[in-house]
Protein backbone atom coordinates (compact mmCIF):
# COMPACT_ATOMS: atom_id res chain seq x y z
CA MET A 1 73.30 149.70 398.98
CA SER A 2 73.28 147.98 396.10
CA MET A 3 76.62 146.76 393.66
CA PRO A 4 76.69 148.45 390.40
CA GLN A 5 74.19 147.13 388.13
CA THR A 6 76.61 147.49 384.74
CA LEU A 7 77.87 144.42 383.29
CA GLY A 8 80.09 145.63 380.80
CA ARG A 9 83.43 145.09 382.61
CA PRO A 10 83.40 141.90 385.62
CA GLY A 11 86.30 143.68 387.69
CA PRO A 12 87.45 143.64 390.26
CA ARG A 13 87.61 140.43 390.37
CA PRO A 14 86.09 138.22 392.29
CA VAL A 15 83.99 142.00 393.17
CA SER A 16 82.04 140.39 395.68
CA LEU A 17 85.02 139.41 397.55
CA HIS A 18 86.41 142.69 397.47
CA MET A 19 83.17 144.40 398.57
CA ALA A 20 83.20 142.11 401.60
CA LEU A 21 86.33 142.77 402.63
CA ALA A 22 86.10 146.49 402.54
CA MET A 23 82.66 146.41 404.16
CA TRP A 24 83.63 144.09 407.01
CA THR A 25 86.89 146.21 407.73
CA TRP A 26 85.05 149.63 408.17
CA THR A 27 81.88 148.37 409.51
CA GLY A 28 84.16 146.13 411.85
CA SER A 29 85.35 150.11 413.36
CA LEU A 30 82.46 150.22 415.40
CA GLY A 31 83.24 147.04 417.20
CA ALA A 32 86.93 147.64 417.88
CA LEU A 33 85.75 151.25 419.20
CA PRO A 34 84.83 150.09 423.08
CA LEU A 35 88.29 148.28 423.05
CA ALA A 36 90.48 150.98 421.47
CA GLN A 37 88.85 153.65 423.80
CA ASN A 38 89.41 151.41 427.41
CA GLY A 39 93.03 150.75 425.90
CA SER A 40 92.82 146.91 425.76
CA LEU A 41 92.93 146.84 422.01
CA THR A 42 95.81 144.83 420.64
CA TRP A 43 97.98 146.32 419.14
CA MET A 44 101.59 145.48 417.03
CA PRO A 45 104.82 145.83 419.27
CA LYS A 46 105.71 148.36 417.14
CA LEU A 47 102.46 150.14 416.81
CA ALA A 48 103.11 150.94 420.88
CA ALA A 49 103.43 154.52 421.01
CA GLU A 50 101.39 155.13 417.86
CA ALA A 51 98.89 153.14 420.48
CA ALA A 52 99.52 155.40 423.10
CA ARG A 53 98.80 158.37 421.28
CA LEU A 54 95.33 157.39 419.69
CA THR A 55 94.42 155.54 423.04
CA ALA A 56 94.33 158.90 424.82
CA ALA A 57 92.90 160.84 422.22
CA LEU A 58 89.43 158.14 421.89
CA GLN A 59 89.13 158.53 425.52
CA ALA A 60 89.10 162.35 425.66
CA THR A 61 86.09 161.75 423.09
CA ASP A 62 82.40 161.35 423.72
CA PRO A 63 81.65 157.71 422.80
CA GLN A 64 78.46 158.39 421.01
CA THR A 65 79.83 161.18 419.10
CA LEU A 66 82.63 159.18 417.92
CA GLY A 67 80.83 156.37 416.94
CA GLN A 68 78.39 158.11 414.93
CA ALA A 69 81.08 159.70 413.11
CA VAL A 70 82.63 156.35 412.28
CA SER A 71 79.41 155.01 410.98
CA VAL A 72 79.21 158.32 408.74
CA GLU A 73 82.44 157.41 406.99
CA ALA A 74 82.04 153.74 406.96
CA ALA A 75 78.87 154.78 404.53
CA ALA A 76 81.01 157.25 403.00
CA ARG A 77 83.66 154.70 401.72
CA ALA A 78 81.26 152.16 401.13
CA ALA A 79 79.55 154.58 398.55
CA THR A 80 82.33 156.03 396.93
CA LEU A 81 83.87 152.35 396.11
CA VAL A 82 80.48 151.27 394.72
CA GLY A 83 80.76 154.61 392.66
CA ALA A 84 83.84 154.11 391.15
CA ILE A 85 83.41 150.17 390.27
CA GLU A 86 80.14 151.61 388.45
CA ALA A 87 82.45 154.22 386.50
CA TYR A 88 85.37 151.71 385.75
CA ARG A 89 82.75 150.03 384.11
CA THR A 90 81.43 151.92 382.46
CA HIS A 91 83.97 153.87 381.20
CA PRO A 92 84.92 154.49 377.23
CA TYR A 93 88.56 153.03 376.80
CA HIS A 94 89.08 150.13 375.00
CA ARG A 95 92.58 148.75 374.27
CA ASP A 96 94.42 151.53 371.66
CA VAL A 97 97.16 149.10 370.55
CA THR A 98 96.77 146.10 368.15
CA ASP A 99 99.05 142.77 368.77
CA PRO A 100 101.56 141.98 366.01
CA GLU A 101 100.14 139.04 363.88
CA PRO A 102 102.44 135.69 364.92
CA ILE A 103 105.20 134.95 363.09
CA ALA A 104 104.65 131.59 364.57
CA ARG A 105 102.36 129.54 366.45
CA PHE A 106 103.10 126.32 368.78
CA GLY A 107 99.84 125.33 369.75
CA ALA A 108 98.14 127.89 371.71
CA ALA A 109 101.01 129.90 371.96
CA ALA A 110 101.95 133.12 369.39
CA LEU A 111 105.14 134.54 368.99
CA ARG A 112 105.10 138.26 368.45
CA ASP A 113 106.97 140.56 366.69
CA TYR A 114 107.43 143.91 367.18
CA GLY A 115 109.87 144.77 364.51
CA GLY A 116 112.94 147.32 365.35
CA ALA A 117 116.78 147.25 364.22
CA GLY A 118 118.42 145.95 367.06
CA ALA A 119 119.22 143.20 369.07
CA PRO A 120 116.54 140.31 369.04
CA ALA A 121 115.03 139.68 372.50
CA LEU A 122 112.33 137.02 373.55
CA PHE A 123 109.61 138.27 376.20
CA VAL A 124 108.65 135.59 378.00
CA PRO A 125 105.48 136.41 380.97
CA SER A 126 103.52 134.55 383.05
CA LEU A 127 101.22 131.89 382.64
CA VAL A 128 99.17 133.46 385.37
CA ASN A 129 98.23 137.03 383.48
CA ARG A 130 97.93 138.07 379.77
CA GLY A 131 101.20 139.08 378.32
CA TYR A 132 99.67 141.79 376.82
CA ILE A 133 101.01 143.62 380.23
CA LEU A 134 104.36 144.37 377.89
CA ASP A 135 102.31 146.23 375.66
CA LEU A 136 99.41 147.35 377.36
CA SER A 137 98.02 150.83 375.58
CA HIS A 138 100.07 153.11 373.32
CA ARG A 139 101.45 155.02 376.65
CA ARG A 140 102.17 152.24 378.73
CA SER A 141 104.05 150.13 376.39
CA MET A 142 107.53 148.98 377.14
CA LEU A 143 107.74 146.68 373.94
CA ARG A 144 107.26 149.52 372.00
CA TRP A 145 109.01 151.69 373.75
CA LEU A 146 111.74 149.35 373.31
CA ARG A 147 111.46 148.81 369.62
CA GLY A 148 112.22 152.88 368.76
CA ALA A 149 115.14 152.60 371.53
CA GLY A 150 117.79 150.14 369.70
CA VAL A 151 116.31 146.76 370.39
CA HIS A 152 113.50 144.14 368.46
CA PRO A 153 111.72 142.81 370.88
CA TYR A 154 109.59 139.84 370.15
CA LEU A 155 106.99 138.10 372.88
CA LEU A 156 105.99 134.65 373.34
CA ASP A 157 102.06 135.53 373.65
CA TRP A 158 100.53 131.69 375.77
CA ARG A 159 96.84 132.77 375.06
CA ASP A 160 94.25 130.60 376.20
CA PRO A 161 95.40 127.04 377.05
CA GLY A 162 94.41 124.74 374.41
CA ALA A 163 93.03 121.04 374.96
CA ALA A 164 96.97 119.99 374.44
CA GLU A 165 97.94 122.61 376.97
CA LYS A 166 95.31 121.42 380.00
CA THR A 167 97.42 118.70 380.53
CA PHE A 168 100.50 120.75 380.18
CA GLU A 169 103.32 120.67 383.41
CA VAL A 170 105.65 123.36 383.59
CA ASP A 171 108.30 121.34 381.72
CA ASP A 172 105.98 120.73 378.28
CA TYR A 173 105.93 124.80 378.02
CA VAL A 174 109.48 124.70 378.53
CA ALA A 175 110.11 122.11 375.81
CA GLY A 176 107.81 123.14 373.94
CA PRO A 177 106.65 126.73 372.86
CA LEU A 178 109.48 128.20 374.54
CA ARG A 179 111.59 126.16 373.30
CA ALA A 180 110.40 126.32 369.60
CA ALA A 181 110.18 130.03 369.93
CA LEU A 182 113.60 130.47 370.74
CA ALA A 183 115.31 128.17 367.84
CA THR A 184 112.87 130.07 365.76
CA LEU A 185 114.40 133.03 366.62
CA CYS A 186 117.99 132.03 366.06
CA GLU A 187 116.93 130.59 362.90
CA ARG A 188 115.76 134.02 362.24
CA HIS A 189 119.15 135.83 363.46
CA GLY A 190 121.53 133.76 362.65
CA GLY A 191 122.23 132.80 366.26
CA PRO A 192 121.86 132.78 370.04
CA VAL A 193 119.31 135.75 371.19
CA GLN A 194 118.65 137.65 374.20
CA LEU A 195 115.98 136.55 376.76
CA VAL A 196 113.71 138.21 379.08
CA GLY A 197 111.73 136.78 381.72
CA TYR A 198 108.90 138.69 384.02
CA CYS A 199 107.41 137.29 387.47
CA MET A 200 107.28 133.39 386.45
CA GLY A 201 108.23 133.81 383.13
CA GLY A 202 111.52 134.39 384.44
CA ASN A 203 111.53 130.88 386.14
CA LEU A 204 110.40 129.71 382.79
CA ALA A 205 113.29 131.44 381.12
CA LEU A 206 116.14 130.36 383.13
CA ALA A 207 115.08 126.61 382.60
CA ALA A 208 115.37 127.24 379.35
CA ALA A 209 119.03 129.06 379.51
CA LEU A 210 119.95 126.39 381.29
CA LEU A 211 118.50 123.46 379.13
CA TYR A 212 119.40 124.77 376.00
CA PRO A 213 122.30 127.63 376.34
CA GLN A 214 122.76 127.22 372.66
CA TYR A 215 119.79 129.65 372.15
CA VAL A 216 120.71 132.36 374.97
CA ARG A 217 123.18 135.04 374.79
CA ASN A 218 122.31 136.75 377.70
CA LEU A 219 119.15 136.26 380.41
CA ALA A 220 117.43 139.17 382.03
CA LEU A 221 114.93 138.35 385.00
CA LEU A 222 112.39 140.68 385.64
CA ALA A 223 110.81 140.28 389.73
CA THR A 224 111.08 136.32 389.20
CA PRO A 225 110.65 134.40 392.53
CA TRP A 226 112.87 131.98 393.93
CA ASN A 227 112.87 131.48 397.70
CA PHE A 228 109.25 131.26 398.34
CA HIS A 229 109.30 130.78 401.98
CA ALA A 230 111.69 134.08 402.28
CA GLU A 231 109.09 135.91 403.90
CA ARG A 232 105.80 134.54 403.13
CA GLY A 233 106.77 130.55 405.09
CA ALA A 234 104.40 130.84 407.60
CA ALA A 235 101.36 130.60 404.78
CA ALA A 236 102.91 127.73 403.32
CA TRP A 237 100.85 125.16 404.92
CA LEU A 238 97.82 125.68 403.01
CA LEU A 239 99.19 125.17 399.87
CA GLU A 240 101.15 122.40 400.84
CA PRO A 241 100.17 118.52 399.02
CA ASP A 242 96.29 118.05 399.59
CA GLY A 243 95.74 121.63 401.02
CA PRO A 244 93.06 123.69 400.07
CA ILE A 245 94.57 124.81 396.03
CA ASP A 246 95.52 121.13 395.41
CA GLN A 247 91.94 120.21 396.74
CA SER A 248 90.79 122.80 394.15
CA VAL A 249 92.83 121.64 391.25
CA SER A 250 91.78 118.24 392.15
CA ALA A 251 87.92 118.90 392.03
CA LEU A 252 88.07 121.50 389.08
CA GLY A 253 90.64 120.31 386.93
CA GLU A 254 92.37 123.89 386.71
CA LEU A 255 92.95 126.88 388.58
CA PRO A 256 89.91 129.19 387.63
CA VAL A 257 90.60 132.78 387.15
CA ASP A 258 88.58 133.93 390.32
CA LEU A 259 90.16 131.03 392.81
CA LEU A 260 93.44 132.79 391.57
CA GLN A 261 92.27 136.73 391.72
CA ALA A 262 91.49 135.49 395.54
CA PHE A 263 94.84 134.28 395.97
CA PHE A 264 96.19 137.36 395.01
CA ALA A 265 93.94 139.24 397.21
CA SER A 266 94.64 137.51 400.28
CA LEU A 267 98.09 139.21 399.93
CA ASP A 268 96.84 142.88 400.64
CA PRO A 269 93.03 142.91 400.92
CA LEU A 270 92.16 146.00 401.29
CA MET A 271 94.05 147.07 397.90
CA ALA A 272 91.28 147.18 395.57
CA ALA A 273 88.86 149.54 397.93
CA ARG A 274 92.13 151.03 398.37
CA LYS A 275 92.58 151.73 394.39
CA PHE A 276 88.91 152.08 393.43
CA ARG A 277 88.78 154.85 395.90
CA ALA A 278 91.88 156.63 394.42
CA PHE A 279 90.56 156.49 391.06
CA ALA A 280 87.40 157.93 392.21
CA ALA A 281 89.26 160.62 392.87
CA LEU A 282 90.93 161.23 389.40
CA PRO A 283 89.17 163.46 387.26
CA PRO A 284 86.82 162.16 385.01
CA ASP A 285 88.17 162.54 381.33
CA SER A 286 91.98 162.45 382.96
CA ALA A 287 94.77 160.13 381.43
CA ALA A 288 95.54 158.84 384.79
CA ARG A 289 91.62 157.25 384.78
CA GLU A 290 92.17 155.88 381.12
CA ASP A 291 95.69 154.18 382.25
CA PHE A 292 93.61 152.96 385.25
CA VAL A 293 91.17 151.28 383.56
CA ALA A 294 93.68 149.76 380.79
CA LEU A 295 95.66 148.58 384.03
CA GLU A 296 92.43 147.28 385.67
CA ASP A 297 91.32 145.99 382.33
CA TRP A 298 94.10 143.35 382.06
CA LEU A 299 94.18 142.17 386.04
CA ASN A 300 90.81 141.22 385.22
CA ASP A 301 91.29 139.45 381.73
CA GLY A 302 92.78 136.37 383.65
CA VAL A 303 93.79 132.67 382.35
CA PRO A 304 93.17 130.09 384.38
CA LEU A 305 96.09 127.68 385.00
CA ALA A 306 95.98 124.00 383.82
CA GLY A 307 96.04 121.58 386.84
CA PRO A 308 99.45 120.24 386.29
CA VAL A 309 101.12 124.29 386.34
CA ALA A 310 99.10 125.20 388.85
CA ARG A 311 100.28 122.32 391.14
CA THR A 312 103.77 123.09 390.30
CA CYS A 313 103.33 126.62 390.79
CA PHE A 314 101.02 126.94 394.08
CA VAL A 315 102.15 123.71 395.74
CA ASP A 316 105.79 122.64 394.63
CA TRP A 317 106.86 126.33 394.56
CA TYR A 318 104.63 127.82 397.05
CA GLY A 319 104.39 125.01 399.01
CA ARG A 320 107.19 123.51 399.16
CA ASN A 321 109.41 126.12 397.90
CA LEU A 322 111.51 123.48 395.80
CA PRO A 323 113.22 126.10 393.81
CA GLY A 324 114.83 127.73 397.41
CA ALA A 325 115.26 124.10 398.31
CA GLY A 326 117.39 123.54 395.00
CA THR A 327 115.49 120.55 394.65
CA TRP A 328 113.17 122.17 391.77
CA THR A 329 113.78 119.84 387.91
CA VAL A 330 112.83 120.53 384.84
CA ALA A 331 113.42 117.98 382.25
CA ALA A 332 114.95 115.97 385.30
CA MET A 333 117.42 118.76 384.81
CA PRO A 334 118.02 120.40 388.40
CA ILE A 335 117.53 124.39 387.66
CA ASP A 336 120.50 125.57 389.65
CA PRO A 337 121.17 129.03 388.60
CA ALA A 338 124.64 128.98 390.08
CA ARG A 339 124.92 127.02 386.58
CA LEU A 340 124.07 129.73 384.51
CA ALA A 341 126.56 130.34 381.67
CA CYS A 342 125.35 133.52 380.01
CA PRO A 343 125.53 136.60 382.01
CA SER A 344 122.25 137.87 383.38
CA PHE A 345 120.70 141.13 384.58
CA VAL A 346 118.17 140.65 387.77
CA VAL A 347 115.97 143.32 388.94
CA LEU A 348 114.56 143.43 392.24
CA PRO A 349 111.87 146.34 392.56
CA ASP A 350 111.93 147.48 396.27
CA ASN A 351 107.99 147.55 396.53
CA ASP A 352 106.82 144.16 395.02
CA ARG A 353 104.12 142.86 396.93
CA ILE A 354 103.38 140.29 394.70
CA VAL A 355 107.08 138.39 394.75
CA PRO A 356 108.82 140.12 397.84
CA PRO A 357 112.33 141.32 397.12
CA GLY A 358 113.74 138.77 399.41
CA SER A 359 112.18 135.85 397.25
CA ALA A 360 113.67 137.42 394.31
CA ARG A 361 117.00 138.61 395.89
CA ALA A 362 117.88 134.80 396.44
CA LEU A 363 117.82 134.41 392.74
CA ALA A 364 120.11 137.38 392.19
CA ASP A 365 122.25 135.86 395.13
CA ALA A 366 122.65 132.19 393.41
CA LEU A 367 123.87 133.50 390.16
CA PRO A 368 126.93 133.66 388.99
CA ALA A 369 127.60 137.61 389.05
CA PRO A 370 124.69 138.77 388.04
CA VAL A 371 123.94 142.67 386.96
CA VAL A 372 121.08 143.32 389.49
CA HIS A 373 118.84 146.36 389.29
CA ALA A 374 116.49 147.76 391.81
CA PRO A 375 114.15 150.09 391.35
CA SER A 376 111.79 152.14 393.12
CA ALA A 377 108.71 150.17 392.20
CA GLY A 378 106.20 147.85 392.83
CA HIS A 379 105.72 144.43 390.50
CA ILE A 380 103.52 145.91 387.86
CA GLY A 381 104.68 149.79 388.15
CA MET A 382 108.00 149.07 387.26
CA VAL A 383 106.28 147.82 383.76
CA VAL A 384 103.09 150.45 383.45
CA GLY A 385 103.34 152.78 386.14
CA ARG A 386 103.80 156.68 385.61
CA LYS A 387 107.48 156.08 386.02
CA ALA A 388 108.19 153.00 384.65
CA GLN A 389 110.64 154.40 381.55
CA SER A 390 113.04 155.30 384.22
CA ALA A 391 112.41 152.81 386.67
CA LEU A 392 112.54 149.67 384.05
CA TRP A 393 112.43 150.41 380.83
CA ALA A 394 115.93 152.57 380.11
CA PRO A 395 117.64 150.70 382.41
CA LEU A 396 116.78 147.60 380.65
CA ARG A 397 117.39 148.39 377.35
CA ALA A 398 120.93 149.66 378.57
CA TRP A 399 121.74 146.17 379.62
CA LEU A 400 120.15 144.47 376.44
CA THR A 401 122.26 146.84 373.98
CA ALA A 402 125.80 147.45 375.88
């Protein structure tokens, strides 16, 4: 079976990894069949009852017939996946909104004004993905919705690292572009503004709120990780100093997009296969297909992380868990959530596979009297999913305008 030949879009990145994971799983089912049929396959204890039921059913089925059925199903799934990737790559959709022109630039970063008559709020996205997840399309734009609902949103768009940013530490992003954007908005609006951080942007926003409290009226943190060992501590050794990620950064000087995507794929190895097979079942001209393409384009439009920032994120945070241990510092100041002086709003999506709820919950527990909102949504779904307005947009708007 050949891979799609159309190269209009690069995703899903890295496509060879996603294809290999799916094929190994589906074809590997054939190798597992004899073990499943004779009852010697190892199961997780919580699946013991289901395993017993399946074993009984398998033992009652002709092995040759079952093997042929598994082969046919594996081939059908593979064909569906390849066809779905081809359909995605050739889809005519292109992003249907235009970024507002910057009102200021700070090195590579751009400060974008979305307008509105309400209280100003600066949105700080992650450095790992592009900020337009908050302004994905005309149907899926949190910033444009907030603009019409009593909030005046601004976006700090990090953009591709320039020559200076390639040497940046996390401290440099906080003390440089983020501080400058806050100062610009405070001067423009005559006082402190609201600060909203999403994912890793929340870590930067928290540091800025502690370092520059004169600029920040209140702080919202959306799915922001804090205790990086809360639910995945067993894999931390991979991200410790001199581990595989650290060595890659040393060799390349940065963490490339495809390596970042491979890291996220390790959190759920078959997610790409599942979502593309679901995409294949959508009506060809549907809005749902367009929404899928819009989101997938954003996911594949990644940004390489500068070497020093990559080390902070993956070695100091994920590997050594400095925030969760209370030893992360920015500009020599310990970033202690308990010292936050302004009101805070913490969003903990309960189906988050990127930032486990336990990791973000640790930050809420460390803050003084935060307002906590726990939507039934995922890390990205709460921002752009079908139920995003009720899951996040409206509750966030209510807090920002209270």
